[in-house]
Amino acid sequence: MVTDRLFKLPLVWDPQPEGGWTITCPILPGLVTEADTVEEVSINVADAIEALIEGYEELGQPIPEVLRPMQSSAPFMADTLIHLEAA
């Protein structure tokens, strides 16, 4: 699994009728995954990123710039979803 790397990507959360979401990335068409809970999104997106990187490497294709990890030692700002359970 990809470790010690941060990626900053816009994600589209498309609610599914049966529950959960389909997650896509408008700047990375190959990134598609699903999640049943908010907590699963990061895990499943990380798995999808790992699979994409491996696919590019296996095909000998250059890794898109958006899949180059950002510097984790520098400050950064990111929109974040925080899930609060209903009382």
PDB file of N, CA and C in Angstrom:
ATOM      1  N   MET A   1       0.844  -1.186   0.000  1.00  0.00           N
ATOM      2  CA  MET A   1       0.000   0.000   0.000  1.00  0.00           C
ATOM      3  C   MET A   1       0.887   1.246   0.000  1.00  0.00           C
ATOM      4  N   VAL A   2       0.413   2.324  -0.626  1.00  0.00           N
ATOM      5  CA  VAL A   2       1.134   3.586  -0.636  1.00  0.00           C
ATOM      6  C   VAL A   2       1.189   4.112   0.792  1.00  0.00           C
ATOM      7  N   THR A   3       2.387   4.463   1.268  1.00  0.00           N
ATOM      8  CA  THR A   3       2.500   4.976   2.627  1.00  0.00           C
ATOM      9  C   THR A   3       3.281   6.275   2.631  1.00  0.00           C
ATOM     10  N   ASP A   4       3.079   7.060   3.671  1.00  0.00           N
ATOM     11  CA  ASP A   4       3.831   8.284   3.898  1.00  0.00           C
ATOM     12  C   ASP A   4       3.771   9.260   2.731  1.00  0.00           C
ATOM     13  N   ARG A   5       2.644   9.308   2.050  1.00  0.00           N
ATOM     14  CA  ARG A   5       2.461  10.277   0.979  1.00  0.00           C
ATOM     15  C   ARG A   5       1.073  10.890   1.117  1.00  0.00           C
ATOM     16  N   LEU A   6       0.983  12.174   0.848  1.00  0.00           N
ATOM     17  CA  LEU A   6      -0.300  12.871   0.881  1.00  0.00           C
ATOM     18  C   LEU A   6      -0.667  13.306  -0.529  1.00  0.00           C
ATOM     19  N   PHE A   7      -1.928  13.126  -0.877  1.00  0.00           N
ATOM     20  CA  PHE A   7      -2.441  13.560  -2.166  1.00  0.00           C
ATOM     21  C   PHE A   7      -3.606  14.503  -1.906  1.00  0.00           C
ATOM     22  N   LYS A   8      -3.635  15.612  -2.620  1.00  0.00           N
ATOM     23  CA  LYS A   8      -4.728  16.571  -2.476  1.00  0.00           C
ATOM     24  C   LYS A   8      -5.539  16.525  -3.767  1.00  0.00           C
ATOM     25  N   LEU A   9      -6.720  15.910  -3.692  1.00  0.00           N
ATOM     26  CA  LEU A   9      -7.558  15.713  -4.867  1.00  0.00           C
ATOM     27  C   LEU A   9      -8.995  16.131  -4.572  1.00  0.00           C
ATOM     28  N   PRO A  10      -9.667  16.756  -5.542  1.00  0.00           N
ATOM     29  CA  PRO A  10     -11.097  17.018  -5.358  1.00  0.00           C
ATOM     30  C   PRO A  10     -11.867  15.712  -5.563  1.00  0.00           C
ATOM     31  N   LEU A  11     -12.790  15.430  -4.685  1.00  0.00           N
ATOM     32  CA  LEU A  11     -13.587  14.207  -4.788  1.00  0.00           C
ATOM     33  C   LEU A  11     -15.063  14.551  -4.902  1.00  0.00           C
ATOM     34  N   VAL A  12     -15.759  13.815  -5.752  1.00  0.00           N
ATOM     35  CA  VAL A  12     -17.205  13.954  -5.892  1.00  0.00           C
ATOM     36  C   VAL A  12     -17.845  12.758  -5.200  1.00  0.00           C
ATOM     37  N   TRP A  13     -18.708  13.046  -4.229  1.00  0.00           N
ATOM     38  CA  TRP A  13     -19.418  12.006  -3.473  1.00  0.00           C
ATOM     39  C   TRP A  13     -20.825  11.910  -4.065  1.00  0.00           C
ATOM     40  N   ASP A  14     -21.112  10.855  -4.801  1.00  0.00           N
ATOM     41  CA  ASP A  14     -22.413  10.677  -5.433  1.00  0.00           C
ATOM     42  C   ASP A  14     -23.236   9.692  -4.603  1.00  0.00           C
ATOM     43  N   PRO A  15     -24.264  10.183  -3.876  1.00  0.00           N
ATOM     44  CA  PRO A  15     -25.067   9.286  -3.041  1.00  0.00           C
ATOM     45  C   PRO A  15     -25.744   8.209  -3.889  1.00  0.00           C
ATOM     46  N   GLN A  16     -25.759   6.990  -3.369  1.00  0.00           N
ATOM     47  CA  GLN A  16     -26.387   5.871  -4.060  1.00  0.00           C
ATOM     48  C   GLN A  16     -27.725   5.536  -3.401  1.00  0.00           C
ATOM     49  N   PRO A  17     -28.721   5.134  -4.193  1.00  0.00           N
ATOM     50  CA  PRO A  17     -30.053   4.854  -3.637  1.00  0.00           C
ATOM     51  C   PRO A  17     -30.039   3.787  -2.544  1.00  0.00           C
ATOM     52  N   GLU A  18     -29.135   2.825  -2.667  1.00  0.00           N
ATOM     53  CA  GLU A  18     -29.075   1.748  -1.675  1.00  0.00           C
ATOM     54  C   GLU A  18     -28.256   2.141  -0.450  1.00  0.00           C
ATOM     55  N   GLY A  19     -27.711   3.345  -0.462  1.00  0.00           N
ATOM     56  CA  GLY A  19     -26.880   3.832   0.638  1.00  0.00           C
ATOM     57  C   GLY A  19     -25.426   3.931   0.214  1.00  0.00           C
ATOM     58  N   GLY A  20     -24.678   4.703   0.937  1.00  0.00           N
ATOM     59  CA  GLY A  20     -23.271   4.900   0.612  1.00  0.00           C
ATOM     60  C   GLY A  20     -23.096   5.838  -0.568  1.00  0.00           C
ATOM     61  N   TRP A  21     -21.876   5.875  -1.093  1.00  0.00           N
ATOM     62  CA  TRP A  21     -21.524   6.799  -2.160  1.00  0.00           C
ATOM     63  C   TRP A  21     -20.639   6.120  -3.196  1.00  0.00           C
ATOM     64  N   THR A  22     -20.699   6.638  -4.411  1.00  0.00           N
ATOM     65  CA  THR A  22     -19.679   6.368  -5.415  1.00  0.00           C
ATOM     66  C   THR A  22     -18.782   7.592  -5.403  1.00  0.00           C
ATOM     67  N   ILE A  23     -17.480   7.370  -5.288  1.00  0.00           N
ATOM     68  CA  ILE A  23     -16.517   8.464  -5.193  1.00  0.00           C
ATOM     69  C   ILE A  23     -15.724   8.525  -6.494  1.00  0.00           C
ATOM     70  N   THR A  24     -15.687   9.714  -7.108  1.00  0.00           N
ATOM     71  CA  THR A  24     -14.898   9.924  -8.317  1.00  0.00           C
ATOM     72  C   THR A  24     -14.061  11.183  -8.150  1.00  0.00           C
ATOM     73  N   CYS A  25     -13.137  11.372  -9.076  1.00  0.00           N
ATOM     74  CA  CYS A  25     -12.277  12.557  -9.054  1.00  0.00           C
ATOM     75  C   CYS A  25     -12.337  13.207 -10.430  1.00  0.00           C
ATOM     76  N   PRO A  26     -12.828  14.450 -10.528  1.00  0.00           N
ATOM     77  CA  PRO A  26     -12.979  15.092 -11.834  1.00  0.00           C
ATOM     78  C   PRO A  26     -11.658  15.330 -12.572  1.00  0.00           C
ATOM     79  N   ILE A  27     -10.536  15.398 -11.866  1.00  0.00           N
ATOM     80  CA  ILE A  27      -9.254  15.622 -12.543  1.00  0.00           C
ATOM     81  C   ILE A  27      -8.472  14.327 -12.744  1.00  0.00           C
ATOM     82  N   LEU A  28      -9.069  13.203 -12.338  1.00  0.00           N
ATOM     83  CA  LEU A  28      -8.422  11.901 -12.484  1.00  0.00           C
ATOM     84  C   LEU A  28      -9.512  10.874 -12.823  1.00  0.00           C
ATOM     85  N   PRO A  29      -9.894  10.789 -14.108  1.00  0.00           N
ATOM     86  CA  PRO A  29     -11.028   9.951 -14.495  1.00  0.00           C
ATOM     87  C   PRO A  29     -10.928   8.486 -14.079  1.00  0.00           C
ATOM     88  N   GLY A  30      -9.744   7.949 -13.904  1.00  0.00           N
ATOM     89  CA  GLY A  30      -9.601   6.550 -13.514  1.00  0.00           C
ATOM     90  C   GLY A  30      -9.898   6.271 -12.057  1.00  0.00           C
ATOM     91  N   LEU A  31     -10.055   7.311 -11.253  1.00  0.00           N
ATOM     92  CA  LEU A  31     -10.309   7.101  -9.829  1.00  0.00           C
ATOM     93  C   LEU A  31     -11.814   6.971  -9.604  1.00  0.00           C
ATOM     94  N   VAL A  32     -12.232   5.745  -9.325  1.00  0.00           N
ATOM     95  CA  VAL A  32     -13.630   5.451  -9.015  1.00  0.00           C
ATOM     96  C   VAL A  32     -13.628   4.413  -7.906  1.00  0.00           C
ATOM     97  N   THR A  33     -14.377   4.679  -6.857  1.00  0.00           N
ATOM     98  CA  THR A  33     -14.502   3.713  -5.772  1.00  0.00           C
ATOM     99  C   THR A  33     -15.854   3.912  -5.110  1.00  0.00           C
ATOM    100  N   GLU A  34     -16.167   3.062  -4.175  1.00  0.00           N
ATOM    101  CA  GLU A  34     -17.414   3.173  -3.423  1.00  0.00           C
ATOM    102  C   GLU A  34     -17.113   3.103  -1.939  1.00  0.00           C
ATOM    103  N   ALA A  35     -18.018   3.656  -1.151  1.00  0.00           N
ATOM    104  CA  ALA A  35     -17.873   3.608   0.306  1.00  0.00           C
ATOM    105  C   ALA A  35     -19.265   3.608   0.924  1.00  0.00           C
ATOM    106  N   ASP A  36     -19.411   2.810   1.963  1.00  0.00           N
ATOM    107  CA  ASP A  36     -20.684   2.764   2.682  1.00  0.00           C
ATOM    108  C   ASP A  36     -20.730   3.769   3.823  1.00  0.00           C
ATOM    109  N   THR A  37     -19.561   4.162   4.337  1.00  0.00           N
ATOM    110  CA  THR A  37     -19.499   5.105   5.456  1.00  0.00           C
ATOM    111  C   THR A  37     -18.472   6.189   5.155  1.00  0.00           C
ATOM    112  N   VAL A  38     -18.590   7.294   5.874  1.00  0.00           N
ATOM    113  CA  VAL A  38     -17.620   8.384   5.739  1.00  0.00           C
ATOM    114  C   VAL A  38     -16.218   7.875   6.057  1.00  0.00           C
ATOM    115  N   GLU A  39     -16.117   7.021   7.058  1.00  0.00           N
ATOM    116  CA  GLU A  39     -14.809   6.509   7.478  1.00  0.00           C
ATOM    117  C   GLU A  39     -14.153   5.659   6.391  1.00  0.00           C
ATOM    118  N   GLU A  40     -14.946   4.991   5.567  1.00  0.00           N
ATOM    119  CA  GLU A  40     -14.401   4.147   4.508  1.00  0.00           C
ATOM    120  C   GLU A  40     -13.842   4.937   3.333  1.00  0.00           C
ATOM    121  N   VAL A  41     -14.285   6.180   3.160  1.00  0.00           N
ATOM    122  CA  VAL A  41     -13.901   6.941   1.973  1.00  0.00           C
ATOM    123  C   VAL A  41     -12.387   7.060   1.850  1.00  0.00           C
ATOM    124  N   SER A  42     -11.701   7.520   2.883  1.00  0.00           N
ATOM    125  CA  SER A  42     -10.242   7.696   2.806  1.00  0.00           C
ATOM    126  C   SER A  42      -9.535   6.381   2.501  1.00  0.00           C
ATOM    127  N   ILE A  43      -9.971   5.311   3.140  1.00  0.00           N
ATOM    128  CA  ILE A  43      -9.345   4.004   2.926  1.00  0.00           C
ATOM    129  C   ILE A  43      -9.543   3.552   1.482  1.00  0.00           C
ATOM    130  N   ASN A  44     -10.781   3.653   0.987  1.00  0.00           N
ATOM    131  CA  ASN A  44     -11.077   3.182  -0.359  1.00  0.00           C
ATOM    132  C   ASN A  44     -10.436   4.058  -1.428  1.00  0.00           C
ATOM    133  N   VAL A  45     -10.391   5.368  -1.201  1.00  0.00           N
ATOM    134  CA  VAL A  45      -9.723   6.254  -2.156  1.00  0.00           C
ATOM    135  C   VAL A  45      -8.224   5.960  -2.173  1.00  0.00           C
ATOM    136  N   ALA A  46      -7.618   5.730  -1.003  1.00  0.00           N
ATOM    137  CA  ALA A  46      -6.192   5.383  -0.955  1.00  0.00           C
ATOM    138  C   ALA A  46      -5.927   4.095  -1.733  1.00  0.00           C
ATOM    139  N   ASP A  47      -6.799   3.100  -1.577  1.00  0.00           N
ATOM    140  CA  ASP A  47      -6.651   1.852  -2.331  1.00  0.00           C
ATOM    141  C   ASP A  47      -6.761   2.102  -3.836  1.00  0.00           C
ATOM    142  N   ALA A  48      -7.705   2.958  -4.237  1.00  0.00           N
ATOM    143  CA  ALA A  48      -7.884   3.266  -5.656  1.00  0.00           C
ATOM    144  C   ALA A  48      -6.668   4.004  -6.214  1.00  0.00           C
ATOM    145  N   ILE A  49      -6.107   4.933  -5.439  1.00  0.00           N
ATOM    146  CA  ILE A  49      -4.898   5.647  -5.871  1.00  0.00           C
ATOM    147  C   ILE A  49      -3.748   4.668  -6.038  1.00  0.00           C
ATOM    148  N   GLU A  50      -3.594   3.779  -5.081  1.00  0.00           N
ATOM    149  CA  GLU A  50      -2.529   2.774  -5.164  1.00  0.00           C
ATOM    150  C   GLU A  50      -2.683   1.925  -6.428  1.00  0.00           C
ATOM    151  N   ALA A  51      -3.901   1.490  -6.716  1.00  0.00           N
ATOM    152  CA  ALA A  51      -4.148   0.676  -7.906  1.00  0.00           C
ATOM    153  C   ALA A  51      -3.849   1.457  -9.183  1.00  0.00           C
ATOM    154  N   LEU A  52      -4.216   2.735  -9.219  1.00  0.00           N
ATOM    155  CA  LEU A  52      -3.924   3.560 -10.391  1.00  0.00           C
ATOM    156  C   LEU A  52      -2.423   3.705 -10.612  1.00  0.00           C
ATOM    157  N   ILE A  53      -1.692   3.996  -9.541  1.00  0.00           N
ATOM    158  CA  ILE A  53      -0.238   4.153  -9.658  1.00  0.00           C
ATOM    159  C   ILE A  53       0.391   2.850 -10.148  1.00  0.00           C
ATOM    160  N   GLU A  54      -0.025   1.721  -9.570  1.00  0.00           N
ATOM    161  CA  GLU A  54       0.504   0.425 -10.001  1.00  0.00           C
ATOM    162  C   GLU A  54       0.181   0.164 -11.466  1.00  0.00           C
ATOM    163  N   GLY A  55      -1.032   0.529 -11.889  1.00  0.00           N
ATOM    164  CA  GLY A  55      -1.425   0.343 -13.285  1.00  0.00           C
ATOM    165  C   GLY A  55      -0.561   1.149 -14.233  1.00  0.00           C
ATOM    166  N   TYR A  56      -0.331   2.415 -13.900  1.00  0.00           N
ATOM    167  CA  TYR A  56       0.542   3.246 -14.735  1.00  0.00           C
ATOM    168  C   TYR A  56       1.943   2.651 -14.806  1.00  0.00           C
ATOM    169  N   GLU A  57       2.470   2.212 -13.666  1.00  0.00           N
ATOM    170  CA  GLU A  57       3.819   1.642 -13.638  1.00  0.00           C
ATOM    171  C   GLU A  57       3.898   0.359 -14.460  1.00  0.00           C
ATOM    172  N   GLU A  58       2.898  -0.524 -14.334  1.00  0.00           N
ATOM    173  CA  GLU A  58       2.894  -1.782 -15.082  1.00  0.00           C
ATOM    174  C   GLU A  58       2.818  -1.547 -16.585  1.00  0.00           C
ATOM    175  N   LEU A  59       2.103  -0.502 -17.002  1.00  0.00           N
ATOM    176  CA  LEU A  59       1.975  -0.186 -18.421  1.00  0.00           C
ATOM    177  C   LEU A  59       3.120   0.678 -18.937  1.00  0.00           C
ATOM    178  N   GLY A  60       4.023   1.061 -18.040  1.00  0.00           N
ATOM    179  CA  GLY A  60       5.142   1.908 -18.440  1.00  0.00           C
ATOM    180  C   GLY A  60       4.719   3.314 -18.821  1.00  0.00           C
ATOM    181  N   GLN A  61       3.585   3.754 -18.304  1.00  0.00           N
ATOM    182  CA  GLN A  61       3.079   5.092 -18.601  1.00  0.00           C
ATOM    183  C   GLN A  61       3.490   6.059 -17.502  1.00  0.00           C
ATOM    184  N   PRO A  62       3.682   7.325 -17.864  1.00  0.00           N
ATOM    185  CA  PRO A  62       4.028   8.305 -16.827  1.00  0.00           C
ATOM    186  C   PRO A  62       2.863   8.497 -15.860  1.00  0.00           C
ATOM    187  N   ILE A  63       3.204   8.699 -14.609  1.00  0.00           N
ATOM    188  CA  ILE A  63       2.188   8.947 -13.584  1.00  0.00           C
ATOM    189  C   ILE A  63       1.717  10.393 -13.734  1.00  0.00           C
ATOM    190  N   PRO A  64       0.397  10.619 -13.832  1.00  0.00           N
ATOM    191  CA  PRO A  64      -0.107  11.988 -13.978  1.00  0.00           C
ATOM    192  C   PRO A  64       0.363  12.886 -12.833  1.00  0.00           C
ATOM    193  N   GLU A  65       0.545  14.140 -13.159  1.00  0.00           N
ATOM    194  CA  GLU A  65       1.020  15.121 -12.175  1.00  0.00           C
ATOM    195  C   GLU A  65       0.145  15.141 -10.925  1.00  0.00           C
ATOM    196  N   VAL A  66      -1.171  14.953 -11.082  1.00  0.00           N
ATOM    197  CA  VAL A  66      -2.067  14.992  -9.917  1.00  0.00           C
ATOM    198  C   VAL A  66      -1.830  13.822  -8.969  1.00  0.00           C
ATOM    199  N   LEU A  67      -1.113  12.792  -9.422  1.00  0.00           N
ATOM    200  CA  LEU A  67      -0.786  11.661  -8.553  1.00  0.00           C
ATOM    201  C   LEU A  67       0.620  11.748  -7.987  1.00  0.00           C
ATOM    202  N   ARG A  68       1.211  12.916  -8.095  1.00  0.00           N
ATOM    203  CA  ARG A  68       2.500  13.130  -7.452  1.00  0.00           C
ATOM    204  C   ARG A  68       2.196  13.617  -6.043  1.00  0.00           C
ATOM    205  N   PRO A  69       2.772  12.977  -5.033  1.00  0.00           N
ATOM    206  CA  PRO A  69       2.437  13.367  -3.656  1.00  0.00           C
ATOM    207  C   PRO A  69       2.891  14.783  -3.326  1.00  0.00           C
ATOM    208  N   MET A  70       2.119  15.445  -2.473  1.00  0.00           N
ATOM    209  CA  MET A  70       2.497  16.778  -2.015  1.00  0.00           C
ATOM    210  C   MET A  70       3.503  16.652  -0.873  1.00  0.00           C
ATOM    211  N   GLN A  71       4.186  17.723  -0.582  1.00  0.00           N
ATOM    212  CA  GLN A  71       5.158  17.737   0.508  1.00  0.00           C
ATOM    213  C   GLN A  71       4.416  17.724   1.835  1.00  0.00           C
ATOM    214  N   SER A  72       4.614  16.674   2.606  1.00  0.00           N
ATOM    215  CA  SER A  72       3.877  16.555   3.864  1.00  0.00           C
ATOM    216  C   SER A  72       4.465  17.409   4.979  1.00  0.00           C
ATOM    217  N   SER A  73       5.662  17.949   4.781  1.00  0.00           N
ATOM    218  CA  SER A  73       6.280  18.750   5.838  1.00  0.00           C
ATOM    219  C   SER A  73       5.870  20.219   5.767  1.00  0.00           C
ATOM    220  N   ALA A  74       5.218  20.608   4.668  1.00  0.00           N
ATOM    221  CA  ALA A  74       4.794  22.000   4.515  1.00  0.00           C
ATOM    222  C   ALA A  74       3.340  22.140   4.968  1.00  0.00           C
ATOM    223  N   PRO A  75       2.965  23.297   5.525  1.00  0.00           N
ATOM    224  CA  PRO A  75       1.566  23.508   5.897  1.00  0.00           C
ATOM    225  C   PRO A  75       0.677  23.449   4.654  1.00  0.00           C
ATOM    226  N   PHE A  76      -0.538  22.979   4.819  1.00  0.00           N
ATOM    227  CA  PHE A  76      -1.475  22.953   3.706  1.00  0.00           C
ATOM    228  C   PHE A  76      -2.888  23.118   4.240  1.00  0.00           C
ATOM    229  N   MET A  77      -3.788  23.502   3.344  1.00  0.00           N
ATOM    230  CA  MET A  77      -5.185  23.666   3.706  1.00  0.00           C
ATOM    231  C   MET A  77      -6.003  22.692   2.873  1.00  0.00           C
ATOM    232  N   ALA A  78      -6.979  22.059   3.492  1.00  0.00           N
ATOM    233  CA  ALA A  78      -7.838  21.124   2.774  1.00  0.00           C
ATOM    234  C   ALA A  78      -9.237  21.161   3.359  1.00  0.00           C
ATOM    235  N   ASP A  79     -10.235  21.122   2.476  1.00  0.00           N
ATOM    236  CA  ASP A  79     -11.604  20.954   2.952  1.00  0.00           C
ATOM    237  C   ASP A  79     -11.707  19.549   3.525  1.00  0.00           C
ATOM    238  N   THR A  80     -12.384  19.413   4.636  1.00  0.00           N
ATOM    239  CA  THR A  80     -12.475  18.123   5.311  1.00  0.00           C
ATOM    240  C   THR A  80     -13.903  17.883   5.770  1.00  0.00           C
ATOM    241  N   LEU A  81     -14.369  16.654   5.595  1.00  0.00           N
ATOM    242  CA  LEU A  81     -15.683  16.277   6.114  1.00  0.00           C
ATOM    243  C   LEU A  81     -15.518  15.705   7.509  1.00  0.00           C
ATOM    244  N   ILE A  82     -16.329  16.178   8.412  1.00  0.00           N
ATOM    245  CA  ILE A  82     -16.342  15.666   9.777  1.00  0.00           C
ATOM    246  C   ILE A  82     -17.725  15.076  10.019  1.00  0.00           C
ATOM    247  N   HIS A  83     -17.781  13.823  10.377  1.00  0.00           N
ATOM    248  CA  HIS A  83     -19.053  13.137  10.589  1.00  0.00           C
ATOM    249  C   HIS A  83     -19.411  13.159  12.070  1.00  0.00           C
ATOM    250  N   LEU A  84     -20.540  13.767  12.392  1.00  0.00           N
ATOM    251  CA  LEU A  84     -21.049  13.778  13.764  1.00  0.00           C
ATOM    252  C   LEU A  84     -22.305  12.926  13.811  1.00  0.00           C
ATOM    253  N   GLU A  85     -22.343  11.988  14.733  1.00  0.00           N
ATOM    254  CA  GLU A  85     -23.515  11.132  14.906  1.00  0.00           C
ATOM    255  C   GLU A  85     -24.693  11.973  15.394  1.00  0.00           C
ATOM    256  N   ALA A  86     -25.878  11.662  14.903  1.00  0.00           N
ATOM    257  CA  ALA A  86     -27.081  12.355  15.360  1.00  0.00           C
ATOM    258  C   ALA A  86     -27.339  12.006  16.823  1.00  0.00           C
ATOM    259  N   ALA A  87     -27.780  13.003  17.569  1.00  0.00           N
ATOM    260  CA  ALA A  87     -28.037  12.784  19.003  1.00  0.00           C
ATOM    261  C   ALA A  87     -29.346  12.081  19.228  1.00  0.00           C
TER     262      ALA A  87
END
